[in-house]
Amino acid sequence: MRNATEGEDDVVALMATVVQELHNSDARFDWTGFYRVAGPGMLKLGPFQGGPACTSIPFGRGVCGAAARTGTTQVVPDVDAFADHIACGSTTRSEIVVPVRDGAGTLLGVLDIDSDELDAFDDLDAERLALLLEDTFGRLNAGPAELDIAV
């Protein structure tokens, strides 16, 4: 993926490229997208591929909110067992959400991948996705003001 993103420094363009590459790379991925930090405690829908999506998610709700709030990857083997899961699509059975940070450590958003299979994701997926995101977004050093995001 490095060839597709090399030299690009626009966060949304990078997100769109990552989503397209990831969504088409693995049959487990039913919905693939980013939620961007769009204000204090709020995520807004970014580039995605798949079915319907929620447009806004507070840090205090759902799997995406938990990843943004805690700064840790969330691997959910069965979304029906996650007490605060937000059902944006009816086919989601499991989910992985990985925080996205720039090189300065600023939270840019989260990568959300849903599967229509139970227990589709594991720690190896979490590790690989985190490395991909670090390689892609970690070279950026723009803080919120430079990204035109108020946090």
C-alpha atoms as a PDB file:
ATOM      1  CA  MET A   1       0.000   0.000   0.000  1.00  0.00           C
ATOM      2  CA  ARG A   2       2.984   2.276   0.485  1.00  0.00           C
ATOM      3  CA  ASN A   3       3.205   2.891  -3.288  1.00  0.00           C
ATOM      4  CA  ALA A   4      -0.412   4.072  -3.373  1.00  0.00           C
ATOM      5  CA  THR A   5       0.087   6.545  -0.515  1.00  0.00           C
ATOM      6  CA  GLU A   6       3.691   7.643  -1.004  1.00  0.00           C
ATOM      7  CA  GLY A   7       4.063  11.406  -1.085  1.00  0.00           C
ATOM      8  CA  GLU A   8       0.430  12.050  -0.097  1.00  0.00           C
ATOM      9  CA  ASP A   9      -0.134  14.206   2.980  1.00  0.00           C
ATOM     10  CA  ASP A  10      -3.880  14.835   2.780  1.00  0.00           C
ATOM     11  CA  VAL A  11      -5.583  12.851   5.542  1.00  0.00           C
ATOM     12  CA  VAL A  12      -8.860  12.273   3.678  1.00  0.00           C
ATOM     13  CA  ALA A  13      -7.069  11.149   0.509  1.00  0.00           C
ATOM     14  CA  LEU A  14      -5.002   8.718   2.578  1.00  0.00           C
ATOM     15  CA  MET A  15      -8.112   7.409   4.322  1.00  0.00           C
ATOM     16  CA  ALA A  16      -9.905   6.895   0.999  1.00  0.00           C
ATOM     17  CA  THR A  17      -6.939   5.000  -0.437  1.00  0.00           C
ATOM     18  CA  VAL A  18      -6.528   2.793   2.636  1.00  0.00           C
ATOM     19  CA  VAL A  19     -10.257   1.965   2.691  1.00  0.00           C
ATOM     20  CA  GLN A  20     -10.328   0.999  -0.971  1.00  0.00           C
ATOM     21  CA  GLU A  21      -7.233  -1.178  -0.697  1.00  0.00           C
ATOM     22  CA  LEU A  22      -8.344  -2.889   2.518  1.00  0.00           C
ATOM     23  CA  HIS A  23     -11.992  -3.445   1.629  1.00  0.00           C
ATOM     24  CA  ASN A  24     -11.084  -5.302  -1.540  1.00  0.00           C
ATOM     25  CA  SER A  25      -8.271  -7.320   0.053  1.00  0.00           C
ATOM     26  CA  ASP A  26     -10.151  -9.625   2.422  1.00  0.00           C
ATOM     27  CA  ALA A  27     -13.471 -11.454   2.017  1.00  0.00           C
ATOM     28  CA  ARG A  28     -14.152 -11.046   5.764  1.00  0.00           C
ATOM     29  CA  PHE A  29     -14.489  -7.279   5.361  1.00  0.00           C
ATOM     30  CA  ASP A  30     -18.183  -6.449   4.900  1.00  0.00           C
ATOM     31  CA  TRP A  31     -17.855  -2.744   5.778  1.00  0.00           C
ATOM     32  CA  THR A  32     -14.595  -0.804   5.915  1.00  0.00           C
ATOM     33  CA  GLY A  33     -14.281   2.853   6.800  1.00  0.00           C
ATOM     34  CA  PHE A  34     -12.923   5.672   8.869  1.00  0.00           C
ATOM     35  CA  TYR A  35     -14.567   7.860  11.441  1.00  0.00           C
ATOM     36  CA  ARG A  36     -12.705  11.173  11.795  1.00  0.00           C
ATOM     37  CA  VAL A  37     -12.318  13.244  14.944  1.00  0.00           C
ATOM     38  CA  ALA A  38     -14.564  16.210  14.166  1.00  0.00           C
ATOM     39  CA  GLY A  39     -14.787  17.981  17.487  1.00  0.00           C
ATOM     40  CA  PRO A  40     -14.460  17.382  21.205  1.00  0.00           C
ATOM     41  CA  GLY A  41     -15.588  13.824  21.860  1.00  0.00           C
ATOM     42  CA  MET A  42     -17.184  13.372  18.434  1.00  0.00           C
ATOM     43  CA  LEU A  43     -16.436  11.142  15.446  1.00  0.00           C
ATOM     44  CA  LYS A  44     -17.872  11.843  11.969  1.00  0.00           C
ATOM     45  CA  LEU A  45     -18.063   9.484   9.039  1.00  0.00           C
ATOM     46  CA  GLY A  46     -15.100   9.575   6.672  1.00  0.00           C
ATOM     47  CA  PRO A  47     -14.295   7.561   3.566  1.00  0.00           C
ATOM     48  CA  PHE A  48     -15.890   4.099   3.599  1.00  0.00           C
ATOM     49  CA  GLN A  49     -16.959   1.160   1.461  1.00  0.00           C
ATOM     50  CA  GLY A  50     -19.912  -1.075   2.178  1.00  0.00           C
ATOM     51  CA  GLY A  51     -23.538  -0.598   3.164  1.00  0.00           C
ATOM     52  CA  PRO A  52     -25.254   2.035   5.323  1.00  0.00           C
ATOM     53  CA  ALA A  53     -23.210   3.845   7.960  1.00  0.00           C
ATOM     54  CA  CYS A  54     -23.783   5.984  11.017  1.00  0.00           C
ATOM     55  CA  THR A  55     -22.732   9.568  10.359  1.00  0.00           C
ATOM     56  CA  SER A  56     -21.849  10.657  13.914  1.00  0.00           C
ATOM     57  CA  ILE A  57     -20.575   8.651  16.883  1.00  0.00           C
ATOM     58  CA  PRO A  58     -19.782  10.194  20.277  1.00  0.00           C
ATOM     59  CA  PHE A  59     -16.640   8.952  22.041  1.00  0.00           C
ATOM     60  CA  GLY A  60     -18.942   7.654  24.778  1.00  0.00           C
ATOM     61  CA  ARG A  61     -20.869   5.215  22.561  1.00  0.00           C
ATOM     62  CA  GLY A  62     -20.225   2.015  20.679  1.00  0.00           C
ATOM     63  CA  VAL A  63     -17.093   0.186  19.613  1.00  0.00           C
ATOM     64  CA  CYS A  64     -15.734   3.150  17.621  1.00  0.00           C
ATOM     65  CA  GLY A  65     -16.306   5.487  20.550  1.00  0.00           C
ATOM     66  CA  ALA A  66     -14.522   3.062  22.888  1.00  0.00           C
ATOM     67  CA  ALA A  67     -11.485   2.919  20.586  1.00  0.00           C
ATOM     68  CA  ALA A  68     -11.355   6.716  20.330  1.00  0.00           C
ATOM     69  CA  ARG A  69     -11.944   7.233  24.062  1.00  0.00           C
ATOM     70  CA  THR A  70      -9.382   4.666  25.273  1.00  0.00           C
ATOM     71  CA  GLY A  71      -6.890   4.933  22.412  1.00  0.00           C
ATOM     72  CA  THR A  72      -6.814   1.139  22.165  1.00  0.00           C
ATOM     73  CA  THR A  73      -7.818  -1.296  19.464  1.00  0.00           C
ATOM     74  CA  GLN A  74     -11.177  -2.950  20.050  1.00  0.00           C
ATOM     75  CA  VAL A  75     -11.670  -6.523  18.795  1.00  0.00           C
ATOM     76  CA  VAL A  76     -15.291  -7.607  19.179  1.00  0.00           C
ATOM     77  CA  PRO A  77     -15.925 -11.275  18.290  1.00  0.00           C
ATOM     78  CA  ASP A  78     -19.729 -10.922  18.613  1.00  0.00           C
ATOM     79  CA  VAL A  79     -21.267  -7.446  18.388  1.00  0.00           C
ATOM     80  CA  ASP A  80     -24.488  -8.690  20.009  1.00  0.00           C
ATOM     81  CA  ALA A  81     -22.465  -9.387  23.170  1.00  0.00           C
ATOM     82  CA  PHE A  82     -20.993  -5.842  23.232  1.00  0.00           C
ATOM     83  CA  ALA A  83     -23.351  -3.957  25.536  1.00  0.00           C
ATOM     84  CA  ASP A  84     -23.071  -0.572  23.819  1.00  0.00           C
ATOM     85  CA  HIS A  85     -22.764  -1.680  20.174  1.00  0.00           C
ATOM     86  CA  ILE A  86     -24.325   0.746  17.696  1.00  0.00           C
ATOM     87  CA  ALA A  87     -25.998  -1.218  14.899  1.00  0.00           C
ATOM     88  CA  CYS A  88     -25.455   0.933  11.820  1.00  0.00           C
ATOM     89  CA  GLY A  89     -25.814  -2.055   9.494  1.00  0.00           C
ATOM     90  CA  SER A  90     -27.885  -5.192   9.954  1.00  0.00           C
ATOM     91  CA  THR A  91     -25.263  -7.674   8.686  1.00  0.00           C
ATOM     92  CA  THR A  92     -22.462  -6.916  11.165  1.00  0.00           C
ATOM     93  CA  ARG A  93     -21.573  -9.875  13.389  1.00  0.00           C
ATOM     94  CA  SER A  94     -18.015  -8.955  14.504  1.00  0.00           C
ATOM     95  CA  GLU A  95     -15.884  -5.833  14.379  1.00  0.00           C
ATOM     96  CA  ILE A  96     -12.382  -4.453  14.798  1.00  0.00           C
ATOM     97  CA  VAL A  97     -11.687  -0.761  15.409  1.00  0.00           C
ATOM     98  CA  VAL A  98      -8.165   0.680  15.431  1.00  0.00           C
ATOM     99  CA  PRO A  99      -7.227   4.229  16.524  1.00  0.00           C
ATOM    100  CA  VAL A 100      -5.464   6.366  13.894  1.00  0.00           C
ATOM    101  CA  ARG A 101      -2.776   8.813  15.026  1.00  0.00           C
ATOM    102  CA  ASP A 102      -0.407  11.136  13.243  1.00  0.00           C
ATOM    103  CA  GLY A 103       3.325  11.288  13.974  1.00  0.00           C
ATOM    104  CA  ALA A 104       2.748  13.751  16.810  1.00  0.00           C
ATOM    105  CA  GLY A 105       0.344  11.326  18.504  1.00  0.00           C
ATOM    106  CA  THR A 106      -2.784  13.332  17.705  1.00  0.00           C
ATOM    107  CA  LEU A 107      -5.872  11.157  17.324  1.00  0.00           C
ATOM    108  CA  LEU A 108      -7.145  11.617  13.769  1.00  0.00           C
ATOM    109  CA  GLY A 109      -9.953   9.072  13.985  1.00  0.00           C
ATOM    110  CA  VAL A 110     -10.535   5.332  13.926  1.00  0.00           C
ATOM    111  CA  LEU A 111     -10.508   2.631  11.275  1.00  0.00           C
ATOM    112  CA  ASP A 112     -13.639   0.491  11.586  1.00  0.00           C
ATOM    113  CA  ILE A 113     -13.926  -2.898   9.870  1.00  0.00           C
ATOM    114  CA  ASP A 114     -17.107  -4.959  10.185  1.00  0.00           C
ATOM    115  CA  SER A 115     -17.595  -8.578   9.209  1.00  0.00           C
ATOM    116  CA  ASP A 116     -20.732 -10.591   8.566  1.00  0.00           C
ATOM    117  CA  GLU A 117     -18.920 -13.541  10.228  1.00  0.00           C
ATOM    118  CA  LEU A 118     -18.708 -14.164  13.965  1.00  0.00           C
ATOM    119  CA  ASP A 119     -15.227 -13.996  15.504  1.00  0.00           C
ATOM    120  CA  ALA A 120     -13.672 -12.798  12.246  1.00  0.00           C
ATOM    121  CA  PHE A 121     -10.789 -10.825  13.791  1.00  0.00           C
ATOM    122  CA  ASP A 122      -7.925 -11.639  16.136  1.00  0.00           C
ATOM    123  CA  ASP A 123      -4.832 -10.099  17.723  1.00  0.00           C
ATOM    124  CA  LEU A 124      -2.767 -10.659  14.575  1.00  0.00           C
ATOM    125  CA  ASP A 125      -5.296  -8.607  12.562  1.00  0.00           C
ATOM    126  CA  ALA A 126      -5.092  -5.889  15.213  1.00  0.00           C
ATOM    127  CA  GLU A 127      -1.300  -5.857  15.050  1.00  0.00           C
ATOM    128  CA  ARG A 128      -1.154  -5.760  11.248  1.00  0.00           C
ATOM    129  CA  LEU A 129      -3.766  -3.029  10.939  1.00  0.00           C
ATOM    130  CA  ALA A 130      -2.022  -0.923  13.602  1.00  0.00           C
ATOM    131  CA  LEU A 131       1.271  -1.224  11.712  1.00  0.00           C
ATOM    132  CA  LEU A 132      -0.397  -0.283   8.428  1.00  0.00           C
ATOM    133  CA  LEU A 133      -1.994   2.783   9.991  1.00  0.00           C
ATOM    134  CA  GLU A 134       1.231   3.811  11.711  1.00  0.00           C
ATOM    135  CA  ASP A 135       3.122   3.485   8.424  1.00  0.00           C
ATOM    136  CA  THR A 136       0.497   5.497   6.530  1.00  0.00           C
ATOM    137  CA  PHE A 137      -0.516   8.202   9.022  1.00  0.00           C
ATOM    138  CA  GLY A 138       2.437   8.215  11.430  1.00  0.00           C
ATOM    139  CA  ARG A 139       4.552  10.131   8.932  1.00  0.00           C
ATOM    140  CA  LEU A 140       2.127  13.064   9.168  1.00  0.00           C
ATOM    141  CA  ASN A 141       2.882  15.635  11.829  1.00  0.00           C
ATOM    142  CA  ALA A 142      -0.143  17.864  11.514  1.00  0.00           C
ATOM    143  CA  GLY A 143      -2.020  18.603  14.708  1.00  0.00           C
ATOM    144  CA  PRO A 144      -5.736  19.423  14.833  1.00  0.00           C
ATOM    145  CA  ALA A 145      -5.344  23.071  13.802  1.00  0.00           C
ATOM    146  CA  GLU A 146      -3.417  22.122  10.688  1.00  0.00           C
ATOM    147  CA  LEU A 147      -6.049  19.532   9.801  1.00  0.00           C
ATOM    148  CA  ASP A 148      -8.859  22.050  10.259  1.00  0.00           C
ATOM    149  CA  ILE A 149     -10.337  19.884  13.001  1.00  0.00           C
ATOM    150  CA  ALA A 150     -11.410  21.441  16.271  1.00  0.00           C
ATOM    151  CA  VAL A 151     -10.746  19.098  19.173  1.00  0.00           C
END
